[in-house]
Amino acid sequence: QVQVAESGGGLVQAGGSLRLSCTASGASVSVDHTDWYRQPPGKQREWVAGMPGSGVTSVTGRFTVSRDKTKNAVNLEIDSLKPEDTGVYYCTVSGLRNIRGTLLPFDIWGQGTQVTVSS
């Protein structure tokens, strides 16, 4: 079974930076894409940034997605934090899993990690 978990959230001051981490665990897993979403309070979930499984780094404005091979993780770094960056940040991983010789697709969401930016 594939499991996805986020970590690194917390309370930070505006103007600072924060790094969130996403790990996917499970045997015989091939990752096609990792994406980060967020859900601000009272608003709908929105896409933040993403990277293909073969990628190393992807930059979208203040958001940088990078791969940490030593920890088998995909990180999201947010620079110049703003109060409107407050929300629950989710990681989603999609790919293929080899189950007894059959490749089956998966798309798993983590439980989310809270980021609160104070002004």
C-alpha atoms as a PDB file:
ATOM      1  CA  GLN A   1       0.000   0.000   0.000  1.00  0.00           C
ATOM      2  CA  VAL A   2       1.297   3.457  -0.897  1.00  0.00           C
ATOM      3  CA  GLN A   3       1.292   6.069   1.831  1.00  0.00           C
ATOM      4  CA  VAL A   4       2.023   9.778   1.488  1.00  0.00           C
ATOM      5  CA  ALA A   5       2.924  12.039   4.388  1.00  0.00           C
ATOM      6  CA  GLU A   6       3.718  15.727   4.694  1.00  0.00           C
ATOM      7  CA  SER A   7       5.782  17.417   7.375  1.00  0.00           C
ATOM      8  CA  GLY A   8       7.359  20.771   8.144  1.00  0.00           C
ATOM      9  CA  GLY A   9       4.350  22.990   8.703  1.00  0.00           C
ATOM     10  CA  GLY A  10       4.050  25.447  11.550  1.00  0.00           C
ATOM     11  CA  LEU A  11       3.770  29.090  12.533  1.00  0.00           C
ATOM     12  CA  VAL A  12       6.096  31.463  10.714  1.00  0.00           C
ATOM     13  CA  GLN A  13       6.424  35.209  10.333  1.00  0.00           C
ATOM     14  CA  ALA A  14       5.680  37.009   7.123  1.00  0.00           C
ATOM     15  CA  GLY A  15       8.735  37.533   4.988  1.00  0.00           C
ATOM     16  CA  GLY A  16      10.383  34.338   6.091  1.00  0.00           C
ATOM     17  CA  SER A  17      10.672  31.019   4.312  1.00  0.00           C
ATOM     18  CA  LEU A  18       9.468  27.531   5.041  1.00  0.00           C
ATOM     19  CA  ARG A  19      10.250  24.071   3.746  1.00  0.00           C
ATOM     20  CA  LEU A  20       7.656  21.333   3.642  1.00  0.00           C
ATOM     21  CA  SER A  21       8.529  17.736   2.942  1.00  0.00           C
ATOM     22  CA  CYS A  22       6.553  14.974   1.248  1.00  0.00           C
ATOM     23  CA  THR A  23       7.468  11.319   1.461  1.00  0.00           C
ATOM     24  CA  ALA A  24       5.856   8.421  -0.364  1.00  0.00           C
ATOM     25  CA  SER A  25       6.366   4.941   0.981  1.00  0.00           C
ATOM     26  CA  GLY A  26       5.497   1.590  -0.500  1.00  0.00           C
ATOM     27  CA  ALA A  27       7.137  -1.271  -2.302  1.00  0.00           C
ATOM     28  CA  SER A  28       7.536  -1.411  -6.081  1.00  0.00           C
ATOM     29  CA  VAL A  29       6.446   2.179  -6.598  1.00  0.00           C
ATOM     30  CA  SER A  30       7.227   4.320  -9.615  1.00  0.00           C
ATOM     31  CA  VAL A  31       6.316   7.993  -9.208  1.00  0.00           C
ATOM     32  CA  ASP A  32       5.013   9.909 -12.230  1.00  0.00           C
ATOM     33  CA  HIS A  33       4.287  13.214 -10.573  1.00  0.00           C
ATOM     34  CA  THR A  34       4.275  14.960  -7.224  1.00  0.00           C
ATOM     35  CA  ASP A  35       2.100  17.996  -6.660  1.00  0.00           C
ATOM     36  CA  TRP A  36       1.503  20.382  -3.824  1.00  0.00           C
ATOM     37  CA  TYR A  37      -1.883  21.918  -3.117  1.00  0.00           C
ATOM     38  CA  ARG A  38      -3.107  24.180  -0.371  1.00  0.00           C
ATOM     39  CA  GLN A  39      -6.433  25.055   1.142  1.00  0.00           C
ATOM     40  CA  PRO A  40      -6.694  28.488   2.748  1.00  0.00           C
ATOM     41  CA  PRO A  41      -9.257  28.894   5.528  1.00  0.00           C
ATOM     42  CA  GLY A  42     -12.754  29.041   4.099  1.00  0.00           C
ATOM     43  CA  LYS A  43     -11.547  28.573   0.530  1.00  0.00           C
ATOM     44  CA  GLN A  44     -11.236  25.781  -1.962  1.00  0.00           C
ATOM     45  CA  ARG A  45      -8.142  23.721  -2.407  1.00  0.00           C
ATOM     46  CA  GLU A  46      -5.770  25.108  -5.034  1.00  0.00           C
ATOM     47  CA  TRP A  47      -2.705  23.860  -6.874  1.00  0.00           C
ATOM     48  CA  VAL A  48       0.586  25.398  -5.768  1.00  0.00           C
ATOM     49  CA  ALA A  49       3.425  23.670  -7.609  1.00  0.00           C
ATOM     50  CA  GLY A  50       4.463  20.300  -8.935  1.00  0.00           C
ATOM     51  CA  MET A  51       7.195  18.248 -10.518  1.00  0.00           C
ATOM     52  CA  PRO A  52       7.404  15.092 -12.631  1.00  0.00           C
ATOM     53  CA  GLY A  53       8.904  11.986 -11.114  1.00  0.00           C
ATOM     54  CA  SER A  54      12.104  12.416 -13.112  1.00  0.00           C
ATOM     55  CA  GLY A  55      12.521  16.046 -12.122  1.00  0.00           C
ATOM     56  CA  VAL A  56      15.024  17.550  -9.748  1.00  0.00           C
ATOM     57  CA  THR A  57      13.823  21.102  -9.226  1.00  0.00           C
ATOM     58  CA  SER A  58      10.832  23.122 -10.359  1.00  0.00           C
ATOM     59  CA  VAL A  59      10.226  26.795  -9.609  1.00  0.00           C
ATOM     60  CA  THR A  60       6.846  28.512  -9.744  1.00  0.00           C
ATOM     61  CA  GLY A  61       7.155  32.061  -8.491  1.00  0.00           C
ATOM     62  CA  ARG A  62       7.866  31.950  -4.741  1.00  0.00           C
ATOM     63  CA  PHE A  63       7.444  28.182  -4.672  1.00  0.00           C
ATOM     64  CA  THR A  64      10.290  25.760  -5.325  1.00  0.00           C
ATOM     65  CA  VAL A  65       9.763  22.024  -5.545  1.00  0.00           C
ATOM     66  CA  SER A  66      12.896  19.942  -5.211  1.00  0.00           C
ATOM     67  CA  ARG A  67      13.836  16.316  -4.764  1.00  0.00           C
ATOM     68  CA  ASP A  68      15.839  15.125  -1.776  1.00  0.00           C
ATOM     69  CA  LYS A  69      17.209  11.771  -2.867  1.00  0.00           C
ATOM     70  CA  THR A  70      18.869  11.119   0.476  1.00  0.00           C
ATOM     71  CA  LYS A  71      15.481  11.159   2.203  1.00  0.00           C
ATOM     72  CA  ASN A  72      13.406   9.963  -0.740  1.00  0.00           C
ATOM     73  CA  ALA A  73      11.323  13.101  -0.364  1.00  0.00           C
ATOM     74  CA  VAL A  74       9.983  15.936  -2.462  1.00  0.00           C
ATOM     75  CA  ASN A  75      10.217  19.310  -0.749  1.00  0.00           C
ATOM     76  CA  LEU A  76       8.247  22.502  -1.213  1.00  0.00           C
ATOM     77  CA  GLU A  77      10.049  25.663  -0.221  1.00  0.00           C
ATOM     78  CA  ILE A  78       8.054  28.855   0.070  1.00  0.00           C
ATOM     79  CA  ASP A  79       9.932  32.136   0.065  1.00  0.00           C
ATOM     80  CA  SER A  80       8.804  35.624   1.123  1.00  0.00           C
ATOM     81  CA  LEU A  81       5.864  34.192   3.048  1.00  0.00           C
ATOM     82  CA  LYS A  82       2.674  36.207   3.202  1.00  0.00           C
ATOM     83  CA  PRO A  83      -0.312  35.902   5.538  1.00  0.00           C
ATOM     84  CA  GLU A  84      -2.363  34.761   2.552  1.00  0.00           C
ATOM     85  CA  ASP A  85      -0.098  31.712   2.308  1.00  0.00           C
ATOM     86  CA  THR A  86      -1.808  30.432   5.438  1.00  0.00           C
ATOM     87  CA  GLY A  87      -3.604  27.146   4.959  1.00  0.00           C
ATOM     88  CA  VAL A  88      -3.317  23.389   4.986  1.00  0.00           C
ATOM     89  CA  TYR A  89      -0.746  22.161   2.499  1.00  0.00           C
ATOM     90  CA  TYR A  90      -1.240  18.800   0.858  1.00  0.00           C
ATOM     91  CA  CYS A  91       1.067  16.625  -1.168  1.00  0.00           C
ATOM     92  CA  THR A  92      -0.268  14.257  -3.784  1.00  0.00           C
ATOM     93  CA  VAL A  93       1.730  11.562  -5.499  1.00  0.00           C
ATOM     94  CA  SER A  94       0.683   9.714  -8.626  1.00  0.00           C
ATOM     95  CA  GLY A  95       2.387   6.849 -10.334  1.00  0.00           C
ATOM     96  CA  LEU A  96       2.394   3.119 -10.836  1.00  0.00           C
ATOM     97  CA  ARG A  97       2.710   0.257  -8.423  1.00  0.00           C
ATOM     98  CA  ASN A  98       3.819  -3.222  -9.411  1.00  0.00           C
ATOM     99  CA  ILE A  99       1.509  -5.777  -7.810  1.00  0.00           C
ATOM    100  CA  ARG A 100       2.451  -9.326  -8.719  1.00  0.00           C
ATOM    101  CA  GLY A 101       3.656  -8.281 -12.160  1.00  0.00           C
ATOM    102  CA  THR A 102       0.737  -5.955 -12.916  1.00  0.00           C
ATOM    103  CA  LEU A 103       1.283  -2.206 -13.048  1.00  0.00           C
ATOM    104  CA  LEU A 104      -1.582  -0.415 -11.369  1.00  0.00           C
ATOM    105  CA  PRO A 105      -1.947   3.371 -11.213  1.00  0.00           C
ATOM    106  CA  PHE A 106      -2.278   5.201  -7.926  1.00  0.00           C
ATOM    107  CA  ASP A 107      -2.983   8.768  -6.882  1.00  0.00           C
ATOM    108  CA  ILE A 108      -2.574   9.266  -3.157  1.00  0.00           C
ATOM    109  CA  TRP A 109      -3.070  12.385  -1.042  1.00  0.00           C
ATOM    110  CA  GLY A 110      -1.395  13.030   2.271  1.00  0.00           C
ATOM    111  CA  GLN A 111      -3.234  14.203   5.369  1.00  0.00           C
ATOM    112  CA  GLY A 112      -1.915  17.737   5.039  1.00  0.00           C
ATOM    113  CA  THR A 113       0.223  19.992   7.190  1.00  0.00           C
ATOM    114  CA  GLN A 114      -0.865  23.343   8.592  1.00  0.00           C
ATOM    115  CA  VAL A 115       1.051  26.484   7.678  1.00  0.00           C
ATOM    116  CA  THR A 116       0.202  29.702   9.488  1.00  0.00           C
ATOM    117  CA  VAL A 117       1.889  32.960   8.521  1.00  0.00           C
ATOM    118  CA  SER A 118       1.669  35.819  10.990  1.00  0.00           C
ATOM    119  CA  SER A 119       1.882  39.439   9.882  1.00  0.00           C
END
